[in-house]
Amino acid sequence: MQPPLRRARPIDRPLRPERPLDYERLSDPILVRRAKDGDPDALAALCERHAPRIQQLSRHLLGDGEDARDASQEALAKLCTRIRQFRGEARFATWLHRLVVNTCRDVAERQSRRRWVPLDEDVRPARDGDPARAAALAELRAELGQCLAGISPAHARVVVLKDAFDLSFEEISAGEDMPVGT
């Protein structure tokens, strides 16, 4: 035999006070339900509440501060777009933890692909990297300086303009006020 049904007491006051909701005091399940129903304030409260933990976990998993910030922002964006995929079979914090771990893994994979691709310029040998060639050029410059010191300054200028600056004889004659044949 079942106990007799009691009559429900009438509620004298309104069910919800007329003041706005205090989202900081609401629990995660309530915020998730409201966010899934389209409440942007509930979604913002969830992001604000969990952002420090997301950043800390990203920093722990990736090590690099810049990559961790990128992963945190990406994880928060995924939270906003994928909140409706949360089925409630586990705690929200567990689902979010998995979302952050997967995001960090994706960021690490992208960064590793970017960082280790050698550039063509890096593979080529340096033109001045050969010490023997550099020494030979230094000797040649010293010898050239001695030879230029042995001729008149006007003729030395002509030699430098022709060989070093690759000017034509016409350009040199115009600049030095000399006939082309000189």
Protein backbone atom coordinates (compact mmCIF):
# COMPACT_ATOMS: atom_id res chain seq x y z
CA MET A 1 0.00 0.00 0.00
CA GLN A 2 1.23 3.43 -0.88
CA PRO A 3 1.20 6.41 1.40
CA PRO A 4 -1.56 8.89 0.78
CA LEU A 5 -0.68 11.76 -1.55
CA ARG A 6 -0.18 15.05 0.17
CA ARG A 7 -1.62 18.17 -1.23
CA ALA A 8 0.94 20.53 -2.69
CA ARG A 9 1.41 23.71 -0.77
CA PRO A 10 0.82 26.82 -2.81
CA ILE A 11 3.91 28.98 -3.31
CA ASP A 12 3.24 32.52 -2.16
CA ARG A 13 6.24 34.24 -3.80
CA PRO A 14 7.45 34.24 -7.39
CA LEU A 15 9.69 31.34 -8.42
CA ARG A 16 12.54 33.55 -9.49
CA PRO A 17 13.44 36.91 -8.06
CA GLU A 18 13.29 39.85 -10.42
CA ARG A 19 17.02 40.49 -10.22
CA PRO A 20 19.40 39.32 -12.98
CA LEU A 21 21.22 36.02 -12.70
CA ASP A 22 24.59 35.95 -11.03
CA TYR A 23 26.45 33.75 -13.52
CA GLU A 24 29.54 33.49 -11.32
CA ARG A 25 27.55 31.60 -8.70
CA LEU A 26 25.94 29.11 -11.11
CA SER A 27 27.41 25.61 -11.34
CA ASP A 28 29.05 24.23 -14.49
CA PRO A 29 26.11 21.95 -15.40
CA ILE A 30 23.67 24.85 -15.21
CA LEU A 31 25.98 27.11 -17.23
CA VAL A 32 26.49 24.38 -19.83
CA ARG A 33 22.73 23.81 -20.13
CA ARG A 34 22.12 27.54 -20.54
CA ALA A 35 25.03 27.90 -23.02
CA LYS A 36 23.70 25.00 -25.09
CA ASP A 37 20.33 26.75 -25.10
CA GLY A 38 21.99 29.85 -26.57
CA ASP A 39 22.70 32.04 -23.54
CA PRO A 40 25.85 34.03 -24.46
CA ASP A 41 26.36 35.18 -20.87
CA ALA A 42 26.51 31.59 -19.66
CA LEU A 43 29.07 30.75 -22.35
CA ALA A 44 31.15 33.79 -21.39
CA ALA A 45 31.00 32.75 -17.73
CA LEU A 46 32.21 29.25 -18.62
CA CYS A 47 35.10 30.66 -20.67
CA GLU A 48 36.07 33.08 -17.90
CA ARG A 49 35.88 30.41 -15.22
CA HIS A 50 37.99 27.85 -17.07
CA ALA A 51 40.44 30.11 -18.97
CA PRO A 52 43.15 30.06 -16.25
CA ARG A 53 43.08 26.26 -16.09
CA ILE A 54 43.17 26.02 -19.88
CA GLN A 55 46.22 28.30 -20.01
CA GLN A 56 47.97 26.39 -17.24
CA LEU A 57 47.37 23.02 -18.89
CA SER A 58 48.50 24.37 -22.28
CA ARG A 59 51.69 25.75 -20.74
CA HIS A 60 52.34 22.43 -19.02
CA LEU A 61 51.80 20.39 -22.20
CA LEU A 62 53.60 22.63 -24.69
CA GLY A 63 56.29 24.29 -22.60
CA ASP A 64 56.63 27.27 -24.94
CA GLY A 65 54.65 30.29 -23.72
CA GLU A 66 53.73 31.58 -27.17
CA ASP A 67 52.50 28.17 -28.35
CA ALA A 68 50.58 27.77 -25.09
CA ARG A 69 48.81 31.10 -25.62
CA ASP A 70 47.89 30.07 -29.18
CA ALA A 71 46.58 26.72 -27.97
CA SER A 72 44.59 28.35 -25.15
CA GLN A 73 42.90 30.75 -27.53
CA GLU A 74 42.16 27.95 -29.96
CA ALA A 75 40.76 25.75 -27.17
CA LEU A 76 38.48 28.56 -25.97
CA ALA A 77 37.26 29.09 -29.52
CA LYS A 78 36.56 25.36 -29.82
CA LEU A 79 34.69 25.47 -26.50
CA CYS A 80 32.43 28.18 -27.91
CA THR A 81 31.77 26.35 -31.17
CA ARG A 82 31.53 22.78 -29.80
CA ILE A 83 29.59 23.31 -26.57
CA ARG A 84 26.53 21.68 -28.15
CA GLN A 85 28.56 18.48 -28.69
CA PHE A 86 28.95 18.03 -24.94
CA ARG A 87 26.62 15.14 -24.11
CA GLY A 88 26.93 15.25 -20.33
CA GLU A 89 28.15 11.66 -20.00
CA ALA A 90 31.20 12.92 -18.09
CA ARG A 91 31.86 16.03 -16.06
CA PHE A 92 32.25 19.21 -18.09
CA ALA A 93 35.78 19.73 -16.73
CA THR A 94 36.77 16.27 -18.04
CA TRP A 95 35.37 17.02 -21.50
CA LEU A 96 37.12 20.39 -21.54
CA HIS A 97 40.40 18.79 -20.41
CA ARG A 98 40.27 16.39 -23.35
CA LEU A 99 39.46 19.29 -25.72
CA VAL A 100 42.52 21.21 -24.49
CA VAL A 101 44.82 18.18 -24.72
CA ASN A 102 43.73 17.51 -28.31
CA THR A 103 44.15 21.18 -29.22
CA CYS A 104 47.66 21.24 -27.74
CA ARG A 105 48.55 18.12 -29.68
CA ASP A 106 47.33 19.76 -32.91
CA VAL A 107 49.29 22.95 -32.20
CA ALA A 108 52.44 20.95 -31.41
CA GLU A 109 52.13 19.01 -34.66
CA ARG A 110 51.68 22.21 -36.69
CA GLN A 111 54.64 23.86 -34.96
CA SER A 112 56.91 20.85 -35.48
CA ARG A 113 56.10 20.78 -39.19
CA ARG A 114 56.86 24.49 -39.49
CA ARG A 115 60.02 24.56 -37.43
CA TRP A 116 62.00 21.79 -39.08
CA VAL A 117 61.48 22.48 -42.76
CA PRO A 118 64.91 23.60 -44.05
CA LEU A 119 64.96 26.65 -46.26
CA ASP A 120 66.77 26.56 -49.59
CA GLU A 121 68.94 29.47 -48.51
CA ASP A 122 70.09 27.50 -45.46
CA VAL A 123 71.32 24.59 -47.55
CA ARG A 124 73.53 26.60 -49.93
CA PRO A 125 77.20 27.05 -49.05
CA ALA A 126 78.17 30.54 -47.94
CA ARG A 127 80.11 32.56 -50.51
CA ASP A 128 82.51 34.00 -47.97
CA GLY A 129 82.52 30.99 -45.68
CA ASP A 130 85.77 29.56 -47.10
CA PRO A 131 88.69 30.83 -44.97
CA ALA A 132 91.26 30.09 -47.72
CA ARG A 133 89.29 32.15 -50.25
CA ALA A 134 88.88 34.99 -47.77
CA ALA A 135 92.65 35.03 -47.11
CA ALA A 136 93.41 35.05 -50.85
CA LEU A 137 91.02 37.97 -51.40
CA ALA A 138 92.62 39.89 -48.53
CA GLU A 139 96.09 39.41 -50.11
CA LEU A 140 94.75 40.50 -53.50
CA ARG A 141 93.25 43.65 -52.00
CA ALA A 142 96.52 44.52 -50.28
CA GLU A 143 98.48 43.99 -53.51
CA LEU A 144 95.98 46.07 -55.49
CA GLY A 145 96.27 48.89 -52.93
CA GLN A 146 100.06 48.88 -53.26
CA CYS A 147 99.87 49.00 -57.08
CA LEU A 148 97.31 51.84 -57.05
CA ALA A 149 99.54 53.79 -54.67
CA GLY A 150 102.35 53.61 -57.27
CA ILE A 151 100.41 55.51 -59.99
CA SER A 152 98.98 59.00 -60.09
CA PRO A 153 95.75 59.61 -58.15
CA ALA A 154 93.87 60.51 -61.38
CA HIS A 155 94.87 57.24 -63.06
CA ALA A 156 94.10 55.28 -59.86
CA ARG A 157 90.57 56.76 -59.83
CA VAL A 158 90.06 55.68 -63.44
CA VAL A 159 91.17 52.11 -62.65
CA VAL A 160 88.88 51.91 -59.60
CA LEU A 161 85.90 53.37 -61.50
CA LYS A 162 86.39 50.90 -64.36
CA ASP A 163 87.17 47.73 -62.42
CA ALA A 164 85.41 48.19 -59.08
CA PHE A 165 82.33 50.15 -60.16
CA ASP A 166 82.15 48.71 -63.73
CA LEU A 167 81.58 52.12 -65.36
CA SER A 168 82.00 52.51 -69.11
CA PHE A 169 84.89 54.60 -70.53
CA GLU A 170 82.38 57.23 -71.67
CA GLU A 171 80.95 57.58 -68.14
CA ILE A 172 84.46 57.81 -66.65
CA SER A 173 85.59 60.44 -69.17
CA ALA A 174 82.48 62.54 -68.48
CA GLY A 175 82.95 62.32 -64.72
CA GLU A 176 86.72 62.89 -64.68
CA ASP A 177 86.85 65.52 -67.45
CA MET A 178 89.24 63.42 -69.59
CA PRO A 179 89.10 62.36 -73.19
CA VAL A 180 87.96 58.74 -73.75
CA GLY A 181 91.33 57.68 -75.19
CA THR A 182 93.23 58.63 -72.03
